[in-house]
Amino acid sequence: MAANLRAEKVGFAKQAAERMAAKFDGEEAAKTLRWILQFPTPTGIPSQFLCAVDKIPKDIKSVDMNQYADYLYNGLVLGYLMACIKPDLLSQLKTANTWKVSAAAPFETTRQRERIGLFLKFLSEVGVPTTSQFQTDQLYEKTGLAQVVIALNHLAMAVKK
């Protein structure tokens, strides 16, 4: 991920990053992962989604920021969640190149970011307010994972309605 290639933050940027990290609640983040796991697996979902979801421990109680991002940043778990909530999206997930894992690193990096973007569009479609959503870089570069937790919690509320 590009976050590993950045210079260390200093001054105001470091303080802002520390404040964002302090807002991250590992237990609340683990709840969002358990919520994803409680959905029945959609029939016919491609294996790349199952492999991504299978990496999440079934009895996860707490998770640190890096682990949380590692589960979600490639977008496949988010795609799985989309298929669970709206099974009619499954055909798109099967056929669109965006959801296929590429062996070429530059292509896969682009696809990962596109997957996150498609998930954000999905959040809007199901009624999650934009103020409760996150930006692609907040997940992909681990700069705002607390906001990712907030977005998934709001998605859970929107789905319950």
Protein backbone atom coordinates (compact mmCIF):
# COMPACT_ATOMS: atom_id res chain seq x y z
CA MET A 1 0.00 0.00 0.00
CA ALA A 2 1.09 3.54 -0.65
CA ALA A 3 0.88 4.38 3.06
CA ASN A 4 4.12 2.45 3.56
CA LEU A 5 5.94 4.68 1.06
CA ARG A 6 5.11 8.01 2.67
CA ALA A 7 7.49 10.07 4.80
CA GLU A 8 6.86 10.05 8.53
CA LYS A 9 4.41 12.73 9.58
CA VAL A 10 5.71 15.62 11.67
CA GLY A 11 4.21 18.67 13.35
CA PHE A 12 0.54 19.38 12.72
CA ALA A 13 0.16 16.38 10.38
CA LYS A 14 1.50 14.08 13.09
CA GLN A 15 -0.88 15.55 15.67
CA ALA A 16 -3.84 15.15 13.31
CA ALA A 17 -2.87 11.53 12.58
CA GLU A 18 -2.57 10.81 16.30
CA ARG A 19 -6.03 12.31 16.94
CA MET A 20 -7.51 10.14 14.17
CA ALA A 21 -5.81 7.05 15.56
CA ALA A 22 -7.14 7.83 19.04
CA LYS A 23 -10.70 7.80 17.67
CA PHE A 24 -10.33 4.22 16.40
CA ASP A 25 -12.08 1.71 18.68
CA GLY A 26 -10.80 -1.83 18.09
CA GLU A 27 -13.82 -3.47 19.72
CA GLU A 28 -16.29 -1.42 17.67
CA ALA A 29 -14.30 -2.22 14.53
CA ALA A 30 -14.44 -5.93 15.39
CA LYS A 31 -18.23 -5.63 15.74
CA THR A 32 -18.45 -4.41 12.15
CA LEU A 33 -16.41 -7.39 10.99
CA ARG A 34 -18.62 -9.81 12.96
CA TRP A 35 -21.66 -8.12 11.41
CA ILE A 36 -20.27 -8.82 7.93
CA LEU A 37 -19.66 -12.46 8.86
CA GLN A 38 -23.24 -12.99 10.08
CA PHE A 39 -24.66 -12.71 6.56
CA PRO A 40 -25.35 -15.99 4.76
CA THR A 41 -22.95 -16.51 1.87
CA PRO A 42 -24.65 -15.62 -1.42
CA THR A 43 -25.02 -18.60 -3.75
CA GLY A 44 -22.53 -18.48 -6.59
CA ILE A 45 -20.28 -15.76 -5.20
CA PRO A 46 -16.79 -15.96 -6.76
CA SER A 47 -13.96 -17.47 -4.74
CA GLN A 48 -11.91 -14.27 -4.40
CA PHE A 49 -14.65 -12.83 -2.18
CA LEU A 50 -14.83 -15.98 -0.05
CA CYS A 51 -11.05 -16.04 0.40
CA ALA A 52 -11.09 -12.43 1.58
CA VAL A 53 -13.92 -13.01 4.07
CA ASP A 54 -12.38 -16.25 5.34
CA LYS A 55 -9.36 -14.28 6.61
CA ILE A 56 -11.56 -12.61 9.25
CA PRO A 57 -11.63 -14.68 12.46
CA LYS A 58 -15.20 -15.77 13.27
CA ASP A 59 -14.88 -14.90 16.97
CA ILE A 60 -12.95 -11.64 16.60
CA LYS A 61 -13.34 -9.48 19.73
CA SER A 62 -10.95 -6.63 18.98
CA VAL A 63 -8.78 -5.58 16.07
CA ASP A 64 -5.98 -3.05 15.68
CA MET A 65 -5.98 -0.45 12.93
CA ASN A 66 -3.53 -2.28 10.67
CA GLN A 67 -5.41 -5.58 10.88
CA TYR A 68 -8.72 -3.84 10.23
CA ALA A 69 -7.35 -2.10 7.15
CA ASP A 70 -5.76 -5.34 5.94
CA TYR A 71 -9.13 -7.09 6.00
CA LEU A 72 -10.86 -4.32 4.04
CA TYR A 73 -8.44 -2.30 1.90
CA ASN A 74 -8.52 -4.48 -1.22
CA GLY A 75 -12.30 -4.02 -1.43
CA LEU A 76 -13.20 -7.69 -1.73
CA VAL A 77 -14.83 -7.95 1.71
CA LEU A 78 -16.77 -4.80 0.83
CA GLY A 79 -17.90 -6.42 -2.43
CA TYR A 80 -18.95 -9.52 -0.50
CA LEU A 81 -21.01 -7.30 1.79
CA MET A 82 -22.63 -5.60 -1.21
CA ALA A 83 -23.64 -9.01 -2.61
CA CYS A 84 -25.05 -10.07 0.77
CA ILE A 85 -27.18 -6.94 1.07
CA LYS A 86 -28.24 -6.74 -2.59
CA PRO A 87 -27.96 -10.19 -4.19
CA ASP A 88 -28.96 -8.76 -7.59
CA LEU A 89 -25.47 -7.17 -7.73
CA LEU A 90 -23.88 -10.62 -7.85
CA SER A 91 -23.92 -10.80 -11.66
CA GLN A 92 -21.98 -7.51 -11.84
CA LEU A 93 -19.50 -8.74 -9.26
CA LYS A 94 -18.92 -11.89 -11.31
CA THR A 95 -18.38 -10.18 -14.66
CA ALA A 96 -16.78 -6.78 -14.05
CA ASN A 97 -12.98 -6.75 -14.28
CA THR A 98 -12.86 -4.44 -11.27
CA TRP A 99 -13.81 -7.34 -9.02
CA LYS A 100 -11.31 -9.79 -10.52
CA VAL A 101 -7.94 -9.98 -8.80
CA SER A 102 -5.09 -9.04 -11.14
CA ALA A 103 -1.64 -10.62 -10.92
CA ALA A 104 -0.12 -7.35 -12.16
CA ALA A 105 0.47 -5.11 -9.13
CA PRO A 106 -0.22 -1.76 -10.84
CA PHE A 107 -3.55 -3.02 -12.17
CA GLU A 108 -4.51 -4.56 -8.84
CA THR A 109 -3.74 -1.32 -6.98
CA THR A 110 -6.05 0.56 -9.31
CA ARG A 111 -8.75 -2.09 -8.96
CA GLN A 112 -8.56 -2.01 -5.17
CA ARG A 113 -9.19 1.72 -5.14
CA GLU A 114 -12.00 1.32 -7.70
CA ARG A 115 -13.64 -1.35 -5.53
CA ILE A 116 -13.64 0.98 -2.55
CA GLY A 117 -15.13 3.70 -4.75
CA LEU A 118 -17.90 1.36 -5.91
CA PHE A 119 -18.63 0.50 -2.29
CA LEU A 120 -18.93 4.21 -1.46
CA LYS A 121 -21.39 4.60 -4.32
CA PHE A 122 -23.30 1.61 -2.91
CA LEU A 123 -23.45 3.30 0.51
CA SER A 124 -25.17 6.29 -1.07
CA GLU A 125 -27.61 4.04 -2.94
CA VAL A 126 -28.73 2.30 0.25
CA GLY A 127 -29.19 5.57 2.13
CA VAL A 128 -26.02 6.07 4.17
CA PRO A 129 -25.56 9.86 4.44
CA THR A 130 -22.42 11.22 2.80
CA THR A 131 -21.43 12.76 6.15
CA SER A 132 -21.23 9.22 7.57
CA GLN A 133 -19.17 7.84 4.70
CA PHE A 134 -15.40 7.78 4.28
CA GLN A 135 -13.05 8.67 1.46
CA THR A 136 -11.12 6.02 -0.46
CA ASP A 137 -7.77 7.12 0.97
CA GLN A 138 -9.08 6.95 4.53
CA LEU A 139 -9.31 3.19 4.11
CA TYR A 140 -6.68 2.49 1.48
CA GLU A 141 -3.96 4.51 3.19
CA LYS A 142 -5.18 3.91 6.76
CA THR A 143 -5.66 7.61 7.47
CA GLY A 144 -9.25 7.54 8.74
CA LEU A 145 -10.23 4.04 9.81
CA ALA A 146 -12.51 5.38 12.55
CA GLN A 147 -14.63 6.88 9.75
CA VAL A 148 -14.74 3.48 8.01
CA VAL A 149 -16.17 1.98 11.22
CA ILE A 150 -18.76 4.78 11.36
CA ALA A 151 -19.76 4.15 7.74
CA LEU A 152 -20.21 0.42 8.31
CA ASN A 153 -22.27 1.08 11.44
CA HIS A 154 -24.51 3.43 9.45
CA LEU A 155 -24.81 0.81 6.73
CA ALA A 156 -25.95 -1.70 9.36
CA MET A 157 -28.63 0.75 10.49
CA ALA A 158 -29.73 1.44 6.90
CA VAL A 159 -30.03 -2.29 6.19
CA LYS A 160 -32.18 -2.86 9.30
CA LYS A 161 -34.79 -0.32 8.12
